[in-house]
ModelCIF file with pLDDT and N, C-alpha, C, O atoms, coordinates in Angstrom:
data_MODEL
#
_entry.id   MODEL 
#
_entity.id                         1 
_entity.type                       polymer 
_entity.pdbx_number_of_molecules   1 
#
_entity_poly.entity_id                      1 
_entity_poly.type                           'polypeptide(L)' 
_entity_poly.nstd_linkage                   no 
_entity_poly.nstd_monomer                   no 
_entity_poly.pdbx_seq_one_letter_code       SIQSLFNGSIFKNCEMNNSDFSKSDFEGTIWTNLFVDNCFFKSC 
_entity_poly.pdbx_seq_one_letter_code_can   SIQSLFNGSIFKNCEMNNSDFSKSDFEGTIWTNLFVDNCFFKSC 
_entity_poly.pdbx_strand_id                 A 
#
loop_
_entity_poly_seq.entity_id 
_entity_poly_seq.num 
_entity_poly_seq.mon_id 
_entity_poly_seq.hetero 
1 1  SER n 
1 2  ILE n 
1 3  GLN n 
1 4  SER n 
1 5  LEU n 
1 6  PHE n 
1 7  ASN n 
1 8  GLY n 
1 9  SER n 
1 10 ILE n 
1 11 PHE n 
1 12 LYS n 
1 13 ASN n 
1 14 CYS n 
1 15 GLU n 
1 16 MET n 
1 17 ASN n 
1 18 ASN n 
1 19 SER n 
1 20 ASP n 
1 21 PHE n 
1 22 SER n 
1 23 LYS n 
1 24 SER n 
1 25 ASP n 
1 26 PHE n 
1 27 GLU n 
1 28 GLY n 
1 29 THR n 
1 30 ILE n 
1 31 TRP n 
1 32 THR n 
1 33 ASN n 
1 34 LEU n 
1 35 PHE n 
1 36 VAL n 
1 37 ASP n 
1 38 ASN n 
1 39 CYS n 
1 40 PHE n 
1 41 PHE n 
1 42 LYS n 
1 43 SER n 
1 44 CYS n 
#
_struct_asym.id          A 
_struct_asym.entity_id   1 
#
loop_
_ma_qa_metric.id 
_ma_qa_metric.mode 
_ma_qa_metric.name 
_ma_qa_metric.software_group_id 
_ma_qa_metric.type 
1 global pLDDT . pLDDT 
2 local  pLDDT . pLDDT 
#
_ma_qa_metric_global.metric_id      1 
_ma_qa_metric_global.metric_value   92.70 
_ma_qa_metric_global.model_id       1 
_ma_qa_metric_global.ordinal_id     1 
#
loop_
_ma_qa_metric_local.label_asym_id 
_ma_qa_metric_local.label_comp_id 
_ma_qa_metric_local.label_seq_id 
_ma_qa_metric_local.metric_id 
_ma_qa_metric_local.metric_value 
_ma_qa_metric_local.model_id 
_ma_qa_metric_local.ordinal_id 
A SER 1  2 95.00 1 1  
A ILE 2  2 94.00 1 2  
A GLN 3  2 95.00 1 3  
A SER 4  2 95.00 1 4  
A LEU 5  2 95.00 1 5  
A PHE 6  2 95.00 1 6  
A ASN 7  2 91.00 1 7  
A GLY 8  2 89.00 1 8  
A SER 9  2 92.00 1 9  
A ILE 10 2 92.00 1 10 
A PHE 11 2 93.00 1 11 
A LYS 12 2 93.00 1 12 
A ASN 13 2 93.00 1 13 
A CYS 14 2 94.00 1 14 
A GLU 15 2 95.00 1 15 
A MET 16 2 95.00 1 16 
A ASN 17 2 95.00 1 17 
A ASN 18 2 96.00 1 18 
A SER 19 2 95.00 1 19 
A ASP 20 2 95.00 1 20 
A PHE 21 2 95.00 1 21 
A SER 22 2 94.00 1 22 
A LYS 23 2 94.00 1 23 
A SER 24 2 95.00 1 24 
A ASP 25 2 94.00 1 25 
A PHE 26 2 92.00 1 26 
A GLU 27 2 89.00 1 27 
A GLY 28 2 88.00 1 28 
A THR 29 2 91.00 1 29 
A ILE 30 2 90.00 1 30 
A TRP 31 2 90.00 1 31 
A THR 32 2 89.00 1 32 
A ASN 33 2 90.00 1 33 
A LEU 34 2 90.00 1 34 
A PHE 35 2 92.00 1 35 
A VAL 36 2 92.00 1 36 
A ASP 37 2 93.00 1 37 
A ASN 38 2 93.00 1 38 
A CYS 39 2 93.00 1 39 
A PHE 40 2 92.00 1 40 
A PHE 41 2 91.00 1 41 
A LYS 42 2 92.00 1 42 
A SER 43 2 92.00 1 43 
A CYS 44 2 91.00 1 44 
#
loop_
_atom_site.group_PDB 
_atom_site.id 
_atom_site.type_symbol 
_atom_site.label_atom_id 
_atom_site.label_alt_id 
_atom_site.label_comp_id 
_atom_site.label_asym_id 
_atom_site.label_entity_id 
_atom_site.label_seq_id 
_atom_site.pdbx_PDB_ins_code 
_atom_site.Cartn_x 
_atom_site.Cartn_y 
_atom_site.Cartn_z 
_atom_site.occupancy 
_atom_site.B_iso_or_equiv 
_atom_site.pdbx_formal_charge 
_atom_site.auth_seq_id 
_atom_site.auth_comp_id 
_atom_site.auth_asym_id 
_atom_site.auth_atom_id 
_atom_site.pdbx_PDB_model_num 
ATOM 1   N N  . SER A 1 1  ? 0.863  -1.179 0.000  1.00 95.00 ? 1  SER A N  1 
ATOM 2   C CA . SER A 1 1  ? 0.000  0.000  0.000  1.00 95.00 ? 1  SER A CA 1 
ATOM 3   C C  . SER A 1 1  ? 0.899  1.228  0.000  1.00 95.00 ? 1  SER A C  1 
ATOM 4   O O  . SER A 1 1  ? 1.059  1.895  1.022  1.00 95.00 ? 1  SER A O  1 
ATOM 5   N N  . ILE A 1 2  ? 1.477  1.516  -1.149 1.00 94.00 ? 2  ILE A N  1 
ATOM 6   C CA . ILE A 1 2  ? 2.416  2.619  -1.284 1.00 94.00 ? 2  ILE A CA 1 
ATOM 7   C C  . ILE A 1 2  ? 1.654  3.912  -1.527 1.00 94.00 ? 2  ILE A C  1 
ATOM 8   O O  . ILE A 1 2  ? 0.718  3.958  -2.325 1.00 94.00 ? 2  ILE A O  1 
ATOM 9   N N  . GLN A 1 3  ? 2.063  4.952  -0.833 1.00 95.00 ? 3  GLN A N  1 
ATOM 10  C CA . GLN A 1 3  ? 1.490  6.291  -0.929 1.00 95.00 ? 3  GLN A CA 1 
ATOM 11  C C  . GLN A 1 3  ? 0.001  6.303  -0.588 1.00 95.00 ? 3  GLN A C  1 
ATOM 12  O O  . GLN A 1 3  ? -0.806 6.921  -1.282 1.00 95.00 ? 3  GLN A O  1 
ATOM 13  N N  . SER A 1 4  ? -0.341 5.610  0.488  1.00 95.00 ? 4  SER A N  1 
ATOM 14  C CA . SER A 1 4  ? -1.731 5.596  0.951  1.00 95.00 ? 4  SER A CA 1 
ATOM 15  C C  . SER A 1 4  ? -1.864 6.407  2.231  1.00 95.00 ? 4  SER A C  1 
ATOM 16  O O  . SER A 1 4  ? -0.868 6.720  2.883  1.00 95.00 ? 4  SER A O  1 
ATOM 17  N N  . LEU A 1 5  ? -3.091 6.743  2.586  1.00 95.00 ? 5  LEU A N  1 
ATOM 18  C CA . LEU A 1 5  ? -3.369 7.541  3.777  1.00 95.00 ? 5  LEU A CA 1 
ATOM 19  C C  . LEU A 1 5  ? -4.066 6.683  4.829  1.00 95.00 ? 5  LEU A C  1 
ATOM 20  O O  . LEU A 1 5  ? -5.131 6.120  4.578  1.00 95.00 ? 5  LEU A O  1 
ATOM 21  N N  . PHE A 1 6  ? -3.452 6.590  6.013  1.00 95.00 ? 6  PHE A N  1 
ATOM 22  C CA . PHE A 1 6  ? -4.049 5.888  7.140  1.00 95.00 ? 6  PHE A CA 1 
ATOM 23  C C  . PHE A 1 6  ? -4.276 6.861  8.308  1.00 95.00 ? 6  PHE A C  1 
ATOM 24  O O  . PHE A 1 6  ? -4.454 6.418  9.442  1.00 95.00 ? 6  PHE A O  1 
ATOM 25  N N  . ASN A 1 7  ? -4.274 8.154  8.054  1.00 91.00 ? 7  ASN A N  1 
ATOM 26  C CA . ASN A 1 7  ? -4.371 9.175  9.103  1.00 91.00 ? 7  ASN A CA 1 
ATOM 27  C C  . ASN A 1 7  ? -5.529 8.911  10.060 1.00 91.00 ? 7  ASN A C  1 
ATOM 28  O O  . ASN A 1 7  ? -6.654 8.641  9.638  1.00 91.00 ? 7  ASN A O  1 
ATOM 29  N N  . GLY A 1 8  ? -5.234 8.994  11.353 1.00 89.00 ? 8  GLY A N  1 
ATOM 30  C CA . GLY A 1 8  ? -6.271 8.886  12.368 1.00 89.00 ? 8  GLY A CA 1 
ATOM 31  C C  . GLY A 1 8  ? -6.836 7.490  12.564 1.00 89.00 ? 8  GLY A C  1 
ATOM 32  O O  . GLY A 1 8  ? -7.788 7.323  13.326 1.00 89.00 ? 8  GLY A O  1 
ATOM 33  N N  . SER A 1 9  ? -6.287 6.493  11.909 1.00 92.00 ? 9  SER A N  1 
ATOM 34  C CA . SER A 1 9  ? -6.809 5.131  12.042 1.00 92.00 ? 9  SER A CA 1 
ATOM 35  C C  . SER A 1 9  ? -6.329 4.478  13.336 1.00 92.00 ? 9  SER A C  1 
ATOM 36  O O  . SER A 1 9  ? -5.324 4.889  13.916 1.00 92.00 ? 9  SER A O  1 
ATOM 37  N N  . ILE A 1 10 ? -7.052 3.468  13.775 1.00 92.00 ? 10 ILE A N  1 
ATOM 38  C CA . ILE A 1 10 ? -6.724 2.737  15.000 1.00 92.00 ? 10 ILE A CA 1 
ATOM 39  C C  . ILE A 1 10 ? -6.398 1.303  14.630 1.00 92.00 ? 10 ILE A C  1 
ATOM 40  O O  . ILE A 1 10 ? -7.170 0.636  13.940 1.00 92.00 ? 10 ILE A O  1 
ATOM 41  N N  . PHE A 1 11 ? -5.241 0.831  15.095 1.00 93.00 ? 11 PHE A N  1 
ATOM 42  C CA . PHE A 1 11 ? -4.809 -0.544 14.888 1.00 93.00 ? 11 PHE A CA 1 
ATOM 43  C C  . PHE A 1 11 ? -4.718 -1.201 16.260 1.00 93.00 ? 11 PHE A C  1 
ATOM 44  O O  . PHE A 1 11 ? -3.810 -0.893 17.032 1.00 93.00 ? 11 PHE A O  1 
ATOM 45  N N  . LYS A 1 12 ? -5.639 -2.093 16.571 1.00 93.00 ? 12 LYS A N  1 
ATOM 46  C CA . LYS A 1 12 ? -5.658 -2.736 17.883 1.00 93.00 ? 12 LYS A CA 1 
ATOM 47  C C  . LYS A 1 12 ? -5.605 -4.253 17.706 1.00 93.00 ? 12 LYS A C  1 
ATOM 48  O O  . LYS A 1 12 ? -6.403 -4.836 16.972 1.00 93.00 ? 12 LYS A O  1 
ATOM 49  N N  . ASN A 1 13 ? -4.645 -4.881 18.398 1.00 93.00 ? 13 ASN A N  1 
ATOM 50  C CA . ASN A 1 13 ? -4.448 -6.338 18.320 1.00 93.00 ? 13 ASN A CA 1 
ATOM 51  C C  . ASN A 1 13 ? -4.264 -6.787 16.874 1.00 93.00 ? 13 ASN A C  1 
ATOM 52  O O  . ASN A 1 13 ? -4.890 -7.749 16.430 1.00 93.00 ? 13 ASN A O  1 
ATOM 53  N N  . CYS A 1 14 ? -3.401 -6.084 16.144 1.00 94.00 ? 14 CYS A N  1 
ATOM 54  C CA . CYS A 1 14 ? -3.189 -6.366 14.726 1.00 94.00 ? 14 CYS A CA 1 
ATOM 55  C C  . CYS A 1 14 ? -1.772 -6.869 14.463 1.00 94.00 ? 14 CYS A C  1 
ATOM 56  O O  . CYS A 1 14 ? -0.883 -6.760 15.308 1.00 94.00 ? 14 CYS A O  1 
ATOM 57  N N  . GLU A 1 15 ? -1.592 -7.423 13.265 1.00 95.00 ? 15 GLU A N  1 
ATOM 58  C CA . GLU A 1 15 ? -0.283 -7.866 12.799 1.00 95.00 ? 15 GLU A CA 1 
ATOM 59  C C  . GLU A 1 15 ? -0.046 -7.290 11.411 1.00 95.00 ? 15 GLU A C  1 
ATOM 60  O O  . GLU A 1 15 ? -0.949 -7.246 10.576 1.00 95.00 ? 15 GLU A O  1 
ATOM 61  N N  . MET A 1 16 ? 1.201  -6.846 11.180 1.00 95.00 ? 16 MET A N  1 
ATOM 62  C CA . MET A 1 16 ? 1.636  -6.428 9.848  1.00 95.00 ? 16 MET A CA 1 
ATOM 63  C C  . MET A 1 16 ? 2.846  -7.291 9.514  1.00 95.00 ? 16 MET A C  1 
ATOM 64  O O  . MET A 1 16 ? 3.892  -7.169 10.151 1.00 95.00 ? 16 MET A O  1 
ATOM 65  N N  . ASN A 1 17 ? 2.711  -8.153 8.531  1.00 95.00 ? 17 ASN A N  1 
ATOM 66  C CA . ASN A 1 17 ? 3.763  -9.096 8.173  1.00 95.00 ? 17 ASN A CA 1 
ATOM 67  C C  . ASN A 1 17 ? 4.120  -8.988 6.700  1.00 95.00 ? 17 ASN A C  1 
ATOM 68  O O  . ASN A 1 17 ? 3.245  -9.006 5.834  1.00 95.00 ? 17 ASN A O  1 
ATOM 69  N N  . ASN A 1 18 ? 5.433  -8.875 6.420  1.00 96.00 ? 18 ASN A N  1 
ATOM 70  C CA . ASN A 1 18 ? 5.933  -8.915 5.039  1.00 96.00 ? 18 ASN A CA 1 
ATOM 71  C C  . ASN A 1 18 ? 5.169  -7.967 4.118  1.00 96.00 ? 18 ASN A C  1 
ATOM 72  O O  . ASN A 1 18 ? 4.737  -8.357 3.033  1.00 96.00 ? 18 ASN A O  1 
ATOM 73  N N  . SER A 1 19 ? 5.009  -6.737 4.552  1.00 95.00 ? 19 SER A N  1 
ATOM 74  C CA . SER A 1 19 ? 4.233  -5.764 3.785  1.00 95.00 ? 19 SER A CA 1 
ATOM 75  C C  . SER A 1 19 ? 5.047  -4.502 3.517  1.00 95.00 ? 19 SER A C  1 
ATOM 76  O O  . SER A 1 19 ? 6.043  -4.241 4.192  1.00 95.00 ? 19 SER A O  1 
ATOM 77  N N  . ASP A 1 20 ? 4.621  -3.732 2.538  1.00 95.00 ? 20 ASP A N  1 
ATOM 78  C CA . ASP A 1 20 ? 5.301  -2.492 2.157  1.00 95.00 ? 20 ASP A CA 1 
ATOM 79  C C  . ASP A 1 20 ? 4.305  -1.335 2.227  1.00 95.00 ? 20 ASP A C  1 
ATOM 80  O O  . ASP A 1 20 ? 3.331  -1.288 1.477  1.00 95.00 ? 20 ASP A O  1 
ATOM 81  N N  . PHE A 1 21 ? 4.572  -0.400 3.149  1.00 95.00 ? 21 PHE A N  1 
ATOM 82  C CA . PHE A 1 21 ? 3.728  0.785  3.318  1.00 95.00 ? 21 PHE A CA 1 
ATOM 83  C C  . PHE A 1 21 ? 4.514  2.055  2.990  1.00 95.00 ? 21 PHE A C  1 
ATOM 84  O O  . PHE A 1 21 ? 4.198  3.128  3.503  1.00 95.00 ? 21 PHE A O  1 
ATOM 85  N N  . SER A 1 22 ? 5.539  1.938  2.138  1.00 94.00 ? 22 SER A N  1 
ATOM 86  C CA . SER A 1 22 ? 6.412  3.064  1.813  1.00 94.00 ? 22 SER A CA 1 
ATOM 87  C C  . SER A 1 22 ? 5.616  4.276  1.318  1.00 94.00 ? 22 SER A C  1 
ATOM 88  O O  . SER A 1 22 ? 4.631  4.145  0.592  1.00 94.00 ? 22 SER A O  1 
ATOM 89  N N  . LYS A 1 23 ? 6.075  5.446  1.733  1.00 94.00 ? 23 LYS A N  1 
ATOM 90  C CA . LYS A 1 23 ? 5.491  6.740  1.361  1.00 94.00 ? 23 LYS A CA 1 
ATOM 91  C C  . LYS A 1 23 ? 4.051  6.909  1.823  1.00 94.00 ? 23 LYS A C  1 
ATOM 92  O O  . LYS A 1 23 ? 3.351  7.803  1.346  1.00 94.00 ? 23 LYS A O  1 
ATOM 93  N N  . SER A 1 24 ? 3.600  6.065  2.743  1.00 95.00 ? 24 SER A N  1 
ATOM 94  C CA . SER A 1 24 ? 2.238  6.207  3.271  1.00 95.00 ? 24 SER A CA 1 
ATOM 95  C C  . SER A 1 24 ? 2.225  7.150  4.464  1.00 95.00 ? 24 SER A C  1 
ATOM 96  O O  . SER A 1 24 ? 3.268  7.433  5.052  1.00 95.00 ? 24 SER A O  1 
ATOM 97  N N  . ASP A 1 25 ? 1.062  7.625  4.811  1.00 94.00 ? 25 ASP A N  1 
ATOM 98  C CA . ASP A 1 25 ? 0.898  8.603  5.884  1.00 94.00 ? 25 ASP A CA 1 
ATOM 99  C C  . ASP A 1 25 ? 0.144  7.955  7.050  1.00 94.00 ? 25 ASP A C  1 
ATOM 100 O O  . ASP A 1 25 ? -1.012 7.556  6.910  1.00 94.00 ? 25 ASP A O  1 
ATOM 101 N N  . PHE A 1 26 ? 0.815  7.858  8.200  1.00 92.00 ? 26 PHE A N  1 
ATOM 102 C CA . PHE A 1 26 ? 0.226  7.274  9.405  1.00 92.00 ? 26 PHE A CA 1 
ATOM 103 C C  . PHE A 1 26 ? 0.068  8.330  10.503 1.00 92.00 ? 26 PHE A C  1 
ATOM 104 O O  . PHE A 1 26 ? 0.010  7.982  11.682 1.00 92.00 ? 26 PHE A O  1 
ATOM 105 N N  . GLU A 1 27 ? -0.002 9.583  10.143 1.00 89.00 ? 27 GLU A N  1 
ATOM 106 C CA . GLU A 1 27 ? -0.058 10.654 11.135 1.00 89.00 ? 27 GLU A CA 1 
ATOM 107 C C  . GLU A 1 27 ? -1.299 10.526 12.009 1.00 89.00 ? 27 GLU A C  1 
ATOM 108 O O  . GLU A 1 27 ? -2.414 10.370 11.510 1.00 89.00 ? 27 GLU A O  1 
ATOM 109 N N  . GLY A 1 28 ? -1.088 10.595 13.325 1.00 88.00 ? 28 GLY A N  1 
ATOM 110 C CA . GLY A 1 28 ? -2.192 10.580 14.281 1.00 88.00 ? 28 GLY A CA 1 
ATOM 111 C C  . GLY A 1 28 ? -2.846 9.226  14.482 1.00 88.00 ? 28 GLY A C  1 
ATOM 112 O O  . GLY A 1 28 ? -3.947 9.151  15.028 1.00 88.00 ? 28 GLY A O  1 
ATOM 113 N N  . THR A 1 29 ? -2.193 8.154  14.053 1.00 91.00 ? 29 THR A N  1 
ATOM 114 C CA . THR A 1 29 ? -2.772 6.822  14.253 1.00 91.00 ? 29 THR A CA 1 
ATOM 115 C C  . THR A 1 29 ? -2.519 6.324  15.668 1.00 91.00 ? 29 THR A C  1 
ATOM 116 O O  . THR A 1 29 ? -1.590 6.773  16.338 1.00 91.00 ? 29 THR A O  1 
ATOM 117 N N  . ILE A 1 30 ? -3.335 5.412  16.107 1.00 90.00 ? 30 ILE A N  1 
ATOM 118 C CA . ILE A 1 30 ? -3.173 4.781  17.416 1.00 90.00 ? 30 ILE A CA 1 
ATOM 119 C C  . ILE A 1 30 ? -2.823 3.322  17.175 1.00 90.00 ? 30 ILE A C  1 
ATOM 120 O O  . ILE A 1 30 ? -3.571 2.595  16.521 1.00 90.00 ? 30 ILE A O  1 
ATOM 121 N N  . TRP A 1 31 ? -1.680 2.897  17.706 1.00 90.00 ? 31 TRP A N  1 
ATOM 122 C CA . TRP A 1 31 ? -1.219 1.518  17.563 1.00 90.00 ? 31 TRP A CA 1 
ATOM 123 C C  . TRP A 1 31 ? -1.216 0.871  18.941 1.00 90.00 ? 31 TRP A C  1 
ATOM 124 O O  . TRP A 1 31 ? -0.392 1.224  19.785 1.00 90.00 ? 31 TRP A O  1 
ATOM 125 N N  . THR A 1 32 ? -2.113 -0.058 19.181 1.00 89.00 ? 32 THR A N  1 
ATOM 126 C CA . THR A 1 32 ? -2.198 -0.747 20.460 1.00 89.00 ? 32 THR A CA 1 
ATOM 127 C C  . THR A 1 32 ? -2.036 -2.241 20.226 1.00 89.00 ? 32 THR A C  1 
ATOM 128 O O  . THR A 1 32 ? -2.818 -2.859 19.504 1.00 89.00 ? 32 THR A O  1 
ATOM 129 N N  . ASN A 1 33 ? -1.009 -2.812 20.846 1.00 90.00 ? 33 ASN A N  1 
ATOM 130 C CA . ASN A 1 33 ? -0.737 -4.240 20.704 1.00 90.00 ? 33 ASN A CA 1 
ATOM 131 C C  . ASN A 1 33 ? -0.604 -4.616 19.230 1.00 90.00 ? 33 ASN A C  1 
ATOM 132 O O  . ASN A 1 33 ? -1.211 -5.580 18.764 1.00 90.00 ? 33 ASN A O  1 
ATOM 133 N N  . LEU A 1 34 ? 0.195  -3.842 18.510 1.00 90.00 ? 34 LEU A N  1 
ATOM 134 C CA . LEU A 1 34 ? 0.441  -4.059 17.085 1.00 90.00 ? 34 LEU A CA 1 
ATOM 135 C C  . LEU A 1 34 ? 1.792  -4.739 16.920 1.00 90.00 ? 34 LEU A C  1 
ATOM 136 O O  . LEU A 1 34 ? 2.801  -4.241 17.419 1.00 90.00 ? 34 LEU A O  1 
ATOM 137 N N  . PHE A 1 35 ? 1.820  -5.864 16.229 1.00 92.00 ? 35 PHE A N  1 
ATOM 138 C CA . PHE A 1 35 ? 3.054  -6.589 15.959 1.00 92.00 ? 35 PHE A CA 1 
ATOM 139 C C  . PHE A 1 35 ? 3.444  -6.345 14.508 1.00 92.00 ? 35 PHE A C  1 
ATOM 140 O O  . PHE A 1 35 ? 2.643  -6.559 13.598 1.00 92.00 ? 35 PHE A O  1 
ATOM 141 N N  . VAL A 1 36 ? 4.694  -5.890 14.294 1.00 92.00 ? 36 VAL A N  1 
ATOM 142 C CA . VAL A 1 36 ? 5.186  -5.588 12.954 1.00 92.00 ? 36 VAL A CA 1 
ATOM 143 C C  . VAL A 1 36 ? 6.390  -6.472 12.674 1.00 92.00 ? 36 VAL A C  1 
ATOM 144 O O  . VAL A 1 36 ? 7.343  -6.494 13.452 1.00 92.00 ? 36 VAL A O  1 
ATOM 145 N N  . ASP A 1 37 ? 6.350  -7.209 11.549 1.00 93.00 ? 37 ASP A N  1 
ATOM 146 C CA . ASP A 1 37 ? 7.450  -8.095 11.185 1.00 93.00 ? 37 ASP A CA 1 
ATOM 147 C C  . ASP A 1 37 ? 7.758  -7.952 9.701  1.00 93.00 ? 37 ASP A C  1 
ATOM 148 O O  . ASP A 1 37 ? 6.895  -8.160 8.849  1.00 93.00 ? 37 ASP A O  1 
ATOM 149 N N  . ASN A 1 38 ? 9.021  -7.589 9.406  1.00 93.00 ? 38 ASN A N  1 
ATOM 150 C CA . ASN A 1 38 ? 9.510  -7.507 8.033  1.00 93.00 ? 38 ASN A CA 1 
ATOM 151 C C  . ASN A 1 38 ? 8.635  -6.610 7.151  1.00 93.00 ? 38 ASN A C  1 
ATOM 152 O O  . ASN A 1 38 ? 8.179  -7.023 6.085  1.00 93.00 ? 38 ASN A O  1 
ATOM 153 N N  . CYS A 1 39 ? 8.413  -5.383 7.612  1.00 93.00 ? 39 CYS A N  1 
ATOM 154 C CA . CYS A 1 39 ? 7.611  -4.419 6.854  1.00 93.00 ? 39 CYS A CA 1 
ATOM 155 C C  . CYS A 1 39 ? 8.469  -3.205 6.502  1.00 93.00 ? 39 CYS A C  1 
ATOM 156 O O  . CYS A 1 39 ? 9.405  -2.864 7.226  1.00 93.00 ? 39 CYS A O  1 
ATOM 157 N N  . PHE A 1 40 ? 8.143  -2.563 5.391  1.00 92.00 ? 40 PHE A N  1 
ATOM 158 C CA . PHE A 1 40 ? 8.839  -1.373 4.949  1.00 92.00 ? 40 PHE A CA 1 
ATOM 159 C C  . PHE A 1 40 ? 7.959  -0.149 5.204  1.00 92.00 ? 40 PHE A C  1 
ATOM 160 O O  . PHE A 1 40 ? 6.780  -0.121 4.853  1.00 92.00 ? 40 PHE A O  1 
ATOM 161 N N  . PHE A 1 41 ? 8.576  0.869  5.830  1.00 91.00 ? 41 PHE A N  1 
ATOM 162 C CA . PHE A 1 41 ? 7.912  2.143  6.080  1.00 91.00 ? 41 PHE A CA 1 
ATOM 163 C C  . PHE A 1 41 ? 8.817  3.263  5.550  1.00 91.00 ? 41 PHE A C  1 
ATOM 164 O O  . PHE A 1 41 ? 8.971  4.294  6.203  1.00 91.00 ? 41 PHE A O  1 
ATOM 165 N N  . LYS A 1 42 ? 9.409  3.065  4.381  1.00 92.00 ? 42 LYS A N  1 
ATOM 166 C CA . LYS A 1 42 ? 10.362 4.009  3.820  1.00 92.00 ? 42 LYS A CA 1 
ATOM 167 C C  . LYS A 1 42 ? 9.661  5.321  3.464  1.00 92.00 ? 42 LYS A C  1 
ATOM 168 O O  . LYS A 1 42 ? 8.648  5.332  2.765  1.00 92.00 ? 42 LYS A O  1 
ATOM 169 N N  . SER A 1 43 ? 10.215 6.410  3.954  1.00 92.00 ? 43 SER A N  1 
ATOM 170 C CA . SER A 1 43 ? 9.708  7.762  3.682  1.00 92.00 ? 43 SER A CA 1 
ATOM 171 C C  . SER A 1 43 ? 8.256  7.950  4.103  1.00 92.00 ? 43 SER A C  1 
ATOM 172 O O  . SER A 1 43 ? 7.496  8.647  3.431  1.00 92.00 ? 43 SER A O  1 
ATOM 173 N N  . CYS A 1 44 ? 7.874  7.333  5.206  1.00 91.00 ? 44 CYS A N  1 
ATOM 174 C CA . CYS A 1 44 ? 6.500  7.475  5.725  1.00 91.00 ? 44 CYS A CA 1 
ATOM 175 C C  . CYS A 1 44 ? 6.392  8.672  6.663  1.00 91.00 ? 44 CYS A C  1 
ATOM 176 O O  . CYS A 1 44 ? 5.315  8.946  7.193  1.00 91.00 ? 44 CYS A O  1 
#
């Protein structure tokens, strides 16, 4: 999901595995119990 907007979103009890979120916008998000493995957040 390159160059996508996730502003203000809530991630609760989630997993992000082997994914690419480069150039995406996560401003103001809430991450609670979020597990991240092998993900790209280049220039986010």
